[in-house]
PDB file of N, CA and C in Angstrom:
ATOM      1  N   ARG A   1      10.549 -25.141 -15.771  1.00  0.00           N
ATOM      2  CA  ARG A   1      11.670 -25.744 -16.050  1.00  0.00           C
ATOM      3  C   ARG A   1      11.849 -27.072 -15.675  1.00  0.00           C
ATOM      4  N   VAL A   2      12.730 -27.975 -16.496  1.00  0.00           N
ATOM      5  CA  VAL A   2      12.889 -29.216 -15.962  1.00  0.00           C
ATOM      6  C   VAL A   2      14.318 -29.630 -15.623  1.00  0.00           C
ATOM      7  N   CYS A   3      14.488 -30.145 -14.703  1.00  0.00           N
ATOM      8  CA  CYS A   3      15.873 -30.798 -14.341  1.00  0.00           C
ATOM      9  C   CYS A   3      15.807 -32.317 -13.972  1.00  0.00           C
ATOM     10  N   ARG A   4      16.676 -32.808 -14.693  1.00  0.00           N
ATOM     11  CA  ARG A   4      16.691 -34.607 -14.528  1.00  0.00           C
ATOM     12  C   ARG A   4      17.142 -34.897 -12.995  1.00  0.00           C
ATOM     13  N   SER A   5      16.791 -36.133 -12.641  1.00  0.00           N
ATOM     14  CA  SER A   5      17.100 -36.484 -11.475  1.00  0.00           C
ATOM     15  C   SER A   5      18.766 -36.680 -11.103  1.00  0.00           C
ATOM     16  N   GLY A   6      19.293 -35.859 -10.055  1.00  0.00           N
ATOM     17  CA  GLY A   6      20.608 -35.788  -9.905  1.00  0.00           C
ATOM     18  C   GLY A   6      21.231 -34.686 -10.622  1.00  0.00           C
ATOM     19  N   GLY A   7      20.587 -33.966 -11.464  1.00  0.00           N
ATOM     20  CA  GLY A   7      20.962 -32.814 -12.072  1.00  0.00           C
ATOM     21  C   GLY A   7      21.346 -31.383 -11.149  1.00  0.00           C
ATOM     22  N   ARG A   8      21.782 -30.541 -11.643  1.00  0.00           N
ATOM     23  CA  ARG A   8      21.990 -29.237 -11.070  1.00  0.00           C
ATOM     24  C   ARG A   8      21.103 -27.941 -11.642  1.00  0.00           C
ATOM     25  N   ILE A   9      21.069 -27.281 -10.727  1.00  0.00           N
ATOM     26  CA  ILE A   9      20.427 -26.171 -11.146  1.00  0.00           C
ATOM     27  C   ILE A   9      21.118 -24.727 -10.788  1.00  0.00           C
ATOM     28  N   GLY A  10      21.643 -24.015 -12.026  1.00  0.00           N
ATOM     29  CA  GLY A  10      22.425 -22.928 -11.449  1.00  0.00           C
ATOM     30  C   GLY A  10      21.677 -21.422 -11.189  1.00  0.00           C
ATOM     31  N   LEU A  11      21.833 -20.653 -10.611  1.00  0.00           N
ATOM     32  CA  LEU A  11      21.180 -19.408 -10.526  1.00  0.00           C
ATOM     33  C   LEU A  11      22.155 -18.547 -10.225  1.00  0.00           C
ATOM     34  N   ALA A  12      21.704 -17.229 -10.854  1.00  0.00           N
ATOM     35  CA  ALA A  12      22.741 -15.877 -10.544  1.00  0.00           C
ATOM     36  C   ALA A  12      21.369 -15.051 -10.167  1.00  0.00           C
ATOM     37  N   ASN A  13      21.441 -14.541  -8.683  1.00  0.00           N
ATOM     38  CA  ASN A  13      20.108 -13.538  -8.138  1.00  0.00           C
ATOM     39  C   ASN A  13      20.556 -12.588  -7.649  1.00  0.00           C
ATOM     40  N   TRP A  14      20.130 -11.465  -7.687  1.00  0.00           N
ATOM     41  CA  TRP A  14      20.236 -10.205  -7.088  1.00  0.00           C
ATOM     42  C   TRP A  14      19.901 -10.557  -5.557  1.00  0.00           C
ATOM     43  N   THR A  15      20.469 -10.051  -4.571  1.00  0.00           N
ATOM     44  CA  THR A  15      20.325 -10.386  -3.086  1.00  0.00           C
ATOM     45  C   THR A  15      19.591  -8.896  -2.460  1.00  0.00           C
ATOM     46  N   PRO A  16      18.742  -9.092  -1.611  1.00  0.00           N
ATOM     47  CA  PRO A  16      17.915  -7.804  -0.634  1.00  0.00           C
ATOM     48  C   PRO A  16      19.110  -7.039  -0.095  1.00  0.00           C
ATOM     49  N   ASP A  17      20.002  -7.177   0.345  1.00  0.00           N
ATOM     50  CA  ASP A  17      21.369  -6.557   0.691  1.00  0.00           C
ATOM     51  C   ASP A  17      22.270  -5.668  -0.294  1.00  0.00           C
ATOM     52  N   GLY A  18      22.170  -6.112  -1.369  1.00  0.00           N
ATOM     53  CA  GLY A  18      22.902  -5.672  -2.468  1.00  0.00           C
ATOM     54  C   GLY A  18      22.558  -4.501  -3.170  1.00  0.00           C
ATOM     55  N   PHE A  19      23.149  -3.944  -3.795  1.00  0.00           N
ATOM     56  CA  PHE A  19      22.599  -2.466  -4.505  1.00  0.00           C
ATOM     57  C   PHE A  19      21.481  -2.470  -5.357  1.00  0.00           C
ATOM     58  N   ILE A  20      21.368  -3.695  -6.144  1.00  0.00           N
ATOM     59  CA  ILE A  20      19.985  -3.905  -6.803  1.00  0.00           C
ATOM     60  C   ILE A  20      18.824  -3.956  -6.110  1.00  0.00           C
ATOM     61  N   GLY A  21      19.018  -4.893  -4.762  1.00  0.00           N
ATOM     62  CA  GLY A  21      18.054  -5.406  -3.982  1.00  0.00           C
ATOM     63  C   GLY A  21      17.570  -4.179  -3.262  1.00  0.00           C
ATOM     64  N   ARG A  22      18.698  -3.338  -2.836  1.00  0.00           N
ATOM     65  CA  ARG A  22      18.301  -1.982  -2.046  1.00  0.00           C
ATOM     66  C   ARG A  22      17.535  -1.104  -3.378  1.00  0.00           C
ATOM     67  N   LEU A  23      17.799  -0.981  -4.491  1.00  0.00           N
ATOM     68  CA  LEU A  23      17.141  -0.203  -5.199  1.00  0.00           C
ATOM     69  C   LEU A  23      15.641  -0.722  -5.419  1.00  0.00           C
ATOM     70  N   PHE A  24      15.584  -2.089  -5.609  1.00  0.00           N
ATOM     71  CA  PHE A  24      14.271  -2.719  -5.879  1.00  0.00           C
ATOM     72  C   PHE A  24      13.403  -2.079  -4.342  1.00  0.00           C
ATOM     73  N   ALA A  25      13.859  -2.074  -3.125  1.00  0.00           N
ATOM     74  CA  ALA A  25      13.046  -1.695  -2.152  1.00  0.00           C
ATOM     75  C   ALA A  25      12.817  -0.280  -2.404  1.00  0.00           C
ATOM     76  N   VAL A  26      13.343   0.595  -2.610  1.00  0.00           N
ATOM     77  CA  VAL A  26      13.438   1.812  -3.023  1.00  0.00           C
ATOM     78  C   VAL A  26      12.230   2.217  -4.091  1.00  0.00           C
ATOM     79  N   VAL A  27      12.389   1.454  -5.426  1.00  0.00           N
ATOM     80  CA  VAL A  27      11.326   1.271  -6.333  1.00  0.00           C
ATOM     81  C   VAL A  27      10.144   0.953  -5.880  1.00  0.00           C
ATOM     82  N   GLY A  28       9.973  -0.243  -4.904  1.00  0.00           N
ATOM     83  CA  GLY A  28       8.601  -0.693  -4.478  1.00  0.00           C
ATOM     84  C   GLY A  28       7.791  -0.042  -3.376  1.00  0.00           C
ATOM     85  N   ARG A  29       8.521   1.223  -2.904  1.00  0.00           N
ATOM     86  CA  ARG A  29       7.791   2.306  -1.965  1.00  0.00           C
ATOM     87  C   ARG A  29       7.025   2.877  -2.779  1.00  0.00           C
ATOM     88  N   HIS A  30       7.541   3.419  -3.782  1.00  0.00           N
ATOM     89  CA  HIS A  30       6.974   4.048  -4.949  1.00  0.00           C
ATOM     90  C   HIS A  30       5.990   3.518  -6.059  1.00  0.00           C
ATOM     91  N   VAL A  31       6.586   2.475  -6.507  1.00  0.00           N
ATOM     92  CA  VAL A  31       5.554   1.856  -7.606  1.00  0.00           C
ATOM     93  C   VAL A  31       5.597   0.254  -7.111  1.00  0.00           C
ATOM     94  N   PRO A  32       4.709  -0.019  -6.266  1.00  0.00           N
ATOM     95  CA  PRO A  32       4.729  -1.585  -5.752  1.00  0.00           C
ATOM     96  C   PRO A  32       4.667  -2.594  -6.656  1.00  0.00           C
ATOM     97  N   PRO A  33       5.063  -3.699  -6.424  1.00  0.00           N
ATOM     98  CA  PRO A  33       4.867  -4.837  -7.479  1.00  0.00           C
ATOM     99  C   PRO A  33       3.435  -5.158  -7.262  1.00  0.00           C
ATOM    100  N   PRO A  34       2.969  -6.031  -8.136  1.00  0.00           N
ATOM    101  CA  PRO A  34       1.282  -6.382  -8.275  1.00  0.00           C
ATOM    102  C   PRO A  34       1.399  -7.518  -7.228  1.00  0.00           C
ATOM    103  N   ALA A  35       0.213  -7.503  -6.757  1.00  0.00           N
ATOM    104  CA  ALA A  35      -0.323  -8.235  -5.625  1.00  0.00           C
ATOM    105  C   ALA A  35       0.041  -9.817  -5.740  1.00  0.00           C
ATOM    106  N   GLY A  36       0.880 -10.432  -4.806  1.00  0.00           N
ATOM    107  CA  GLY A  36       1.303 -11.792  -5.029  1.00  0.00           C
ATOM    108  C   GLY A  36       2.508 -11.776  -5.720  1.00  0.00           C
ATOM    109  N   VAL A  37       3.183 -10.987  -5.998  1.00  0.00           N
ATOM    110  CA  VAL A  37       4.425 -11.097  -6.774  1.00  0.00           C
ATOM    111  C   VAL A  37       5.464 -10.938  -5.818  1.00  0.00           C
ATOM    112  N   THR A  38       6.549 -11.947  -5.728  1.00  0.00           N
ATOM    113  CA  THR A  38       7.627 -12.117  -4.897  1.00  0.00           C
ATOM    114  C   THR A  38       8.568 -11.092  -5.454  1.00  0.00           C
ATOM    115  N   PRO A  39       9.154 -10.423  -4.858  1.00  0.00           N
ATOM    116  CA  PRO A  39      10.376  -9.669  -4.924  1.00  0.00           C
ATOM    117  C   PRO A  39      11.674 -10.619  -5.489  1.00  0.00           C
ATOM    118  N   ALA A  40      12.114  -9.732  -6.447  1.00  0.00           N
ATOM    119  CA  ALA A  40      13.192 -10.591  -7.357  1.00  0.00           C
ATOM    120  C   ALA A  40      14.466 -10.694  -6.326  1.00  0.00           C
ATOM    121  N   SER A  41      14.625 -10.169  -5.695  1.00  0.00           N
ATOM    122  CA  SER A  41      15.917 -10.068  -4.853  1.00  0.00           C
ATOM    123  C   SER A  41      15.509 -11.279  -3.570  1.00  0.00           C
ATOM    124  N   ARG A  42      14.388 -11.875  -3.231  1.00  0.00           N
ATOM    125  CA  ARG A  42      14.105 -12.884  -2.451  1.00  0.00           C
ATOM    126  C   ARG A  42      14.712 -14.106  -3.071  1.00  0.00           C
ATOM    127  N   TRP A  43      14.937 -14.217  -4.543  1.00  0.00           N
ATOM    128  CA  TRP A  43      15.811 -15.408  -5.059  1.00  0.00           C
ATOM    129  C   TRP A  43      17.457 -15.357  -4.430  1.00  0.00           C
ATOM    130  N   GLY A  44      17.688 -14.404  -4.041  1.00  0.00           N
ATOM    131  CA  GLY A  44      19.080 -14.446  -3.420  1.00  0.00           C
ATOM    132  C   GLY A  44      19.380 -14.791  -1.887  1.00  0.00           C
ATOM    133  N   THR A  45      18.315 -15.095  -1.566  1.00  0.00           N
ATOM    134  CA  THR A  45      18.338 -15.850  -0.103  1.00  0.00           C
ATOM    135  C   THR A  45      18.466 -17.407   0.026  1.00  0.00           C
ATOM    136  N   GLU A  46      19.075 -17.686   0.884  1.00  0.00           N
ATOM    137  CA  GLU A  46      18.912 -19.098   1.228  1.00  0.00           C
ATOM    138  C   GLU A  46      17.515 -19.622   1.745  1.00  0.00           C
ATOM    139  N   ASP A  47      16.764 -18.824   2.553  1.00  0.00           N
ATOM    140  CA  ASP A  47      15.550 -19.180   3.245  1.00  0.00           C
ATOM    141  C   ASP A  47      14.585 -19.419   2.014  1.00  0.00           C
ATOM    142  N   HIS A  48      14.379 -18.290   0.744  1.00  0.00           N
ATOM    143  CA  HIS A  48      13.516 -18.357  -0.153  1.00  0.00           C
ATOM    144  C   HIS A  48      13.805 -19.855  -1.057  1.00  0.00           C
ATOM    145  N   LEU A  49      15.053 -19.930  -1.363  1.00  0.00           N
ATOM    146  CA  LEU A  49      15.549 -21.339  -2.200  1.00  0.00           C
ATOM    147  C   LEU A  49      15.134 -22.368  -1.433  1.00  0.00           C
ATOM    148  N   THR A  50      15.292 -22.341  -0.063  1.00  0.00           N
ATOM    149  CA  THR A  50      14.980 -23.594   0.644  1.00  0.00           C
ATOM    150  C   THR A  50      13.253 -23.615   0.540  1.00  0.00           C
ATOM    151  N   GLN A  51      12.406 -22.866   0.720  1.00  0.00           N
ATOM    152  CA  GLN A  51      11.235 -22.720   0.621  1.00  0.00           C
ATOM    153  C   GLN A  51      10.773 -23.192  -0.724  1.00  0.00           C
ATOM    154  N   LEU A  52      11.491 -22.760  -1.804  1.00  0.00           N
ATOM    155  CA  LEU A  52      11.027 -23.135  -3.065  1.00  0.00           C
ATOM    156  C   LEU A  52      11.440 -24.535  -3.551  1.00  0.00           C
ATOM    157  N   PHE A  53      12.529 -24.988  -3.393  1.00  0.00           N
ATOM    158  CA  PHE A  53      13.037 -26.310  -3.462  1.00  0.00           C
ATOM    159  C   PHE A  53      12.838 -27.259  -2.600  1.00  0.00           C
ATOM    160  N   GLY A  54      12.965 -26.857  -1.337  1.00  0.00           N
ATOM    161  CA  GLY A  54      12.942 -27.799  -0.077  1.00  0.00           C
ATOM    162  C   GLY A  54      13.278 -29.221  -0.215  1.00  0.00           C
ATOM    163  N   ALA A  55      12.233 -30.128   0.141  1.00  0.00           N
ATOM    164  CA  ALA A  55      12.564 -31.491  -0.116  1.00  0.00           C
ATOM    165  C   ALA A  55      13.110 -32.091  -1.494  1.00  0.00           C
ATOM    166  N   GLU A  56      12.802 -31.423  -2.591  1.00  0.00           N
ATOM    167  CA  GLU A  56      13.232 -31.737  -3.834  1.00  0.00           C
ATOM    168  C   GLU A  56      14.488 -31.667  -3.870  1.00  0.00           C
ATOM    169  N   ALA A  57      15.279 -30.615  -3.274  1.00  0.00           N
ATOM    170  CA  ALA A  57      16.699 -30.626  -3.567  1.00  0.00           C
ATOM    171  C   ALA A  57      17.718 -31.272  -2.615  1.00  0.00           C
ATOM    172  N   SER A  58      18.703 -32.270  -3.033  1.00  0.00           N
ATOM    173  CA  SER A  58      19.339 -33.022  -2.148  1.00  0.00           C
ATOM    174  C   SER A  58      20.404 -31.914  -1.373  1.00  0.00           C
ATOM    175  N   ALA A  59      20.612 -30.783  -1.959  1.00  0.00           N
ATOM    176  CA  ALA A  59      21.465 -29.882  -1.448  1.00  0.00           C
ATOM    177  C   ALA A  59      21.226 -28.327  -1.980  1.00  0.00           C
ATOM    178  N   ILE A  60      21.534 -27.514  -1.156  1.00  0.00           N
ATOM    179  CA  ILE A  60      21.301 -26.036  -1.602  1.00  0.00           C
ATOM    180  C   ILE A  60      22.631 -25.501  -1.207  1.00  0.00           C
ATOM    181  N   ARG A  61      23.590 -24.901  -2.285  1.00  0.00           N
ATOM    182  CA  ARG A  61      24.684 -24.104  -1.868  1.00  0.00           C
ATOM    183  C   ARG A  61      24.535 -23.024  -2.379  1.00  0.00           C
ATOM    184  N   ILE A  62      24.951 -21.684  -1.437  1.00  0.00           N
ATOM    185  CA  ILE A  62      25.001 -20.276  -1.760  1.00  0.00           C
ATOM    186  C   ILE A  62      26.340 -19.951  -1.796  1.00  0.00           C
ATOM    187  N   SER A  63      26.906 -19.368  -2.858  1.00  0.00           N
ATOM    188  CA  SER A  63      28.104 -18.470  -2.994  1.00  0.00           C
ATOM    189  C   SER A  63      28.172 -17.145  -3.280  1.00  0.00           C
ATOM    190  N   PRO A  64      27.850 -16.331  -2.496  1.00  0.00           N
ATOM    191  CA  PRO A  64      27.709 -15.061  -2.627  1.00  0.00           C
ATOM    192  C   PRO A  64      28.997 -14.304  -3.710  1.00  0.00           C
ATOM    193  N   ARG A  65      28.632 -13.382  -4.637  1.00  0.00           N
ATOM    194  CA  ARG A  65      29.717 -12.975  -5.157  1.00  0.00           C
ATOM    195  C   ARG A  65      29.140 -11.490  -5.454  1.00  0.00           C
ATOM    196  N   HIS A  66      30.136 -10.751  -5.529  1.00  0.00           N
ATOM    197  CA  HIS A  66      30.114  -9.254  -5.765  1.00  0.00           C
ATOM    198  C   HIS A  66      30.280  -8.904  -7.149  1.00  0.00           C
ATOM    199  N   PHE A  67      29.357  -8.041  -7.601  1.00  0.00           N
ATOM    200  CA  PHE A  67      29.282  -7.602  -9.136  1.00  0.00           C
ATOM    201  C   PHE A  67      29.367  -6.260  -9.281  1.00  0.00           C
ATOM    202  N   ALA A  68      30.420  -5.753  -9.909  1.00  0.00           N
ATOM    203  CA  ALA A  68      30.466  -4.277  -9.876  1.00  0.00           C
ATOM    204  C   ALA A  68      29.810  -3.746 -11.078  1.00  0.00           C
ATOM    205  N   LEU A  69      29.076  -2.849 -10.956  1.00  0.00           N
ATOM    206  CA  LEU A  69      28.121  -2.168 -12.108  1.00  0.00           C
ATOM    207  C   LEU A  69      29.108  -0.745 -12.489  1.00  0.00           C
ATOM    208  N   ARG A  70      29.420  -0.826 -13.482  1.00  0.00           N
ATOM    209  CA  ARG A  70      30.135   0.458 -14.051  1.00  0.00           C
ATOM    210  C   ARG A  70      29.650   1.363 -14.859  1.00  0.00           C
ATOM    211  N   TYR A  71      29.648   2.877 -14.646  1.00  0.00           N
ATOM    212  CA  TYR A  71      29.016   3.744 -15.722  1.00  0.00           C
ATOM    213  C   TYR A  71      30.163   4.683 -15.543  1.00  0.00           C
ATOM    214  N   ARG A  72      30.113   5.677 -16.733  1.00  0.00           N
ATOM    215  CA  ARG A  72      30.857   6.608 -16.867  1.00  0.00           C
ATOM    216  C   ARG A  72      30.581   7.696 -15.617  1.00  0.00           C
ATOM    217  N   SER A  73      29.550   8.063 -15.213  1.00  0.00           N
ATOM    218  CA  SER A  73      29.042   8.944 -14.234  1.00  0.00           C
ATOM    219  C   SER A  73      27.638   8.580 -13.672  1.00  0.00           C
ATOM    220  N   PRO A  74      27.295   9.316 -12.555  1.00  0.00           N
ATOM    221  CA  PRO A  74      26.051   9.294 -12.213  1.00  0.00           C
ATOM    222  C   PRO A  74      25.016   9.704 -13.161  1.00  0.00           C
ATOM    223  N   GLU A  75      24.991  10.489 -13.858  1.00  0.00           N
ATOM    224  CA  GLU A  75      24.246  11.008 -15.071  1.00  0.00           C
ATOM    225  C   GLU A  75      24.145   9.779 -16.150  1.00  0.00           C
ATOM    226  N   HIS A  76      25.453   9.132 -16.573  1.00  0.00           N
ATOM    227  CA  HIS A  76      25.056   8.108 -17.453  1.00  0.00           C
ATOM    228  C   HIS A  76      24.357   6.818 -16.911  1.00  0.00           C
ATOM    229  N   TRP A  77      24.415   6.987 -15.606  1.00  0.00           N
ATOM    230  CA  TRP A  77      23.803   5.670 -15.035  1.00  0.00           C
ATOM    231  C   TRP A  77      22.275   6.145 -15.133  1.00  0.00           C
ATOM    232  N   ILE A  78      21.808   7.340 -14.810  1.00  0.00           N
ATOM    233  CA  ILE A  78      20.321   7.625 -14.724  1.00  0.00           C
ATOM    234  C   ILE A  78      19.871   7.604 -16.103  1.00  0.00           C
ATOM    235  N   GLU A  79      20.725   8.035 -17.321  1.00  0.00           N
ATOM    236  CA  GLU A  79      20.529   7.913 -18.640  1.00  0.00           C
ATOM    237  C   GLU A  79      20.029   6.530 -18.969  1.00  0.00           C
ATOM    238  N   VAL A  80      21.291   5.200 -18.527  1.00  0.00           N
ATOM    239  CA  VAL A  80      20.578   4.074 -18.400  1.00  0.00           C
ATOM    240  C   VAL A  80      19.485   3.534 -18.042  1.00  0.00           C
ATOM    241  N   LEU A  81      19.237   4.062 -16.870  1.00  0.00           N
ATOM    242  CA  LEU A  81      17.870   3.558 -16.418  1.00  0.00           C
ATOM    243  C   LEU A  81      16.681   4.074 -17.311  1.00  0.00           C
ATOM    244  N   LYS A  82      17.037   5.258 -17.278  1.00  0.00           N
ATOM    245  CA  LYS A  82      15.945   5.853 -18.549  1.00  0.00           C
ATOM    246  C   LYS A  82      15.463   5.203 -19.573  1.00  0.00           C
ATOM    247  N   GLN A  83      16.593   4.633 -20.276  1.00  0.00           N
ATOM    248  CA  GLN A  83      16.188   3.827 -21.484  1.00  0.00           C
ATOM    249  C   GLN A  83      15.887   2.442 -21.316  1.00  0.00           C
ATOM    250  N   ARG A  84      16.321   1.851 -20.393  1.00  0.00           N
ATOM    251  CA  ARG A  84      16.326   0.324 -20.193  1.00  0.00           C
ATOM    252  C   ARG A  84      15.458  -0.082 -19.174  1.00  0.00           C
ATOM    253  N   GLN A  85      15.249   0.538 -18.328  1.00  0.00           N
ATOM    254  CA  GLN A  85      14.531   0.294 -16.937  1.00  0.00           C
ATOM    255  C   GLN A  85      13.507   1.545 -16.629  1.00  0.00           C
ATOM    256  N   PRO A  86      12.483   2.051 -17.663  1.00  0.00           N
ATOM    257  CA  PRO A  86      11.714   3.043 -17.416  1.00  0.00           C
ATOM    258  C   PRO A  86      10.923   3.327 -16.094  1.00  0.00           C
ATOM    259  N   ALA A  87      10.559   2.277 -15.653  1.00  0.00           N
ATOM    260  CA  ALA A  87       9.727   2.319 -14.147  1.00  0.00           C
ATOM    261  C   ALA A  87      10.647   2.529 -13.203  1.00  0.00           C
ATOM    262  N   TRP A  88      11.819   1.982 -13.201  1.00  0.00           N
ATOM    263  CA  TRP A  88      12.762   2.354 -12.103  1.00  0.00           C
ATOM    264  C   TRP A  88      13.104   3.895 -12.274  1.00  0.00           C
ATOM    265  N   TYR A  89      13.288   4.539 -13.400  1.00  0.00           N
ATOM    266  CA  TYR A  89      13.442   5.893 -13.679  1.00  0.00           C
ATOM    267  C   TYR A  89      12.543   6.681 -13.154  1.00  0.00           C
ATOM    268  N   VAL A  90      11.391   6.390 -13.328  1.00  0.00           N
ATOM    269  CA  VAL A  90      10.080   7.115 -12.916  1.00  0.00           C
ATOM    270  C   VAL A  90      10.047   7.083 -11.376  1.00  0.00           C
ATOM    271  N   ALA A  91      10.090   5.928 -10.838  1.00  0.00           N
ATOM    272  CA  ALA A  91      10.001   5.874  -9.512  1.00  0.00           C
ATOM    273  C   ALA A  91      11.125   6.728  -8.795  1.00  0.00           C
ATOM    274  N   LEU A  92      12.294   6.666  -9.069  1.00  0.00           N
ATOM    275  CA  LEU A  92      13.423   7.587  -8.585  1.00  0.00           C
ATOM    276  C   LEU A  92      13.513   8.873  -8.832  1.00  0.00           C
ATOM    277  N   ARG A  93      12.897   9.434  -9.865  1.00  0.00           N
ATOM    278  CA  ARG A  93      12.799  10.787  -9.943  1.00  0.00           C
ATOM    279  C   ARG A  93      12.165  11.619  -8.799  1.00  0.00           C
ATOM    280  N   SER A  94      12.896  12.564  -8.363  1.00  0.00           N
ATOM    281  CA  SER A  94      12.515  13.532  -6.967  1.00  0.00           C
ATOM    282  C   SER A  94      11.448  14.654  -7.535  1.00  0.00           C
ATOM    283  N   ASP A  95      11.313  14.903  -8.447  1.00  0.00           N
ATOM    284  CA  ASP A  95      10.405  15.913  -8.875  1.00  0.00           C
ATOM    285  C   ASP A  95       8.818  15.391  -9.151  1.00  0.00           C
ATOM    286  N   GLY A  96       8.452  14.050  -9.162  1.00  0.00           N
ATOM    287  CA  GLY A  96       7.306  13.423  -9.553  1.00  0.00           C
ATOM    288  C   GLY A  96       6.899  13.616 -10.936  1.00  0.00           C
ATOM    289  N   GLN A  97       7.808  13.966 -11.797  1.00  0.00           N
ATOM    290  CA  GLN A  97       7.173  13.951 -13.542  1.00  0.00           C
ATOM    291  C   GLN A  97       7.389  12.631 -13.944  1.00  0.00           C
ATOM    292  N   HIS A  98       6.832  12.407 -14.891  1.00  0.00           N
ATOM    293  CA  HIS A  98       6.481  10.936 -15.549  1.00  0.00           C
ATOM    294  C   HIS A  98       7.077  11.002 -16.926  1.00  0.00           C
ATOM    295  N   SER A  99       8.036  11.747 -17.061  1.00  0.00           N
ATOM    296  CA  SER A  99       8.471  11.986 -18.728  1.00  0.00           C
ATOM    297  C   SER A  99       9.644  11.292 -19.059  1.00  0.00           C
TER     298      SER A  99
END
């Protein structure tokens, strides 16, 4: 991507300490990411953003927000995972089945 000089880049990222970041950690213990791939939740840390943008950014501002994921029931959440995130669903299954 390109940003003009003096422009702004806005990001909305999961954090390692939030629900999705913790879910990434659980899934990663069962289905590790490919070698060299940075976990997506690192984009939600000031250290990683500073490392990525460093000297090129005149300022890095972090404004944490909470996002409520809402489902009808735990079973509904699992069904949504199964349909939209099959790798997560497989990794979270306790019986080891992959269907």
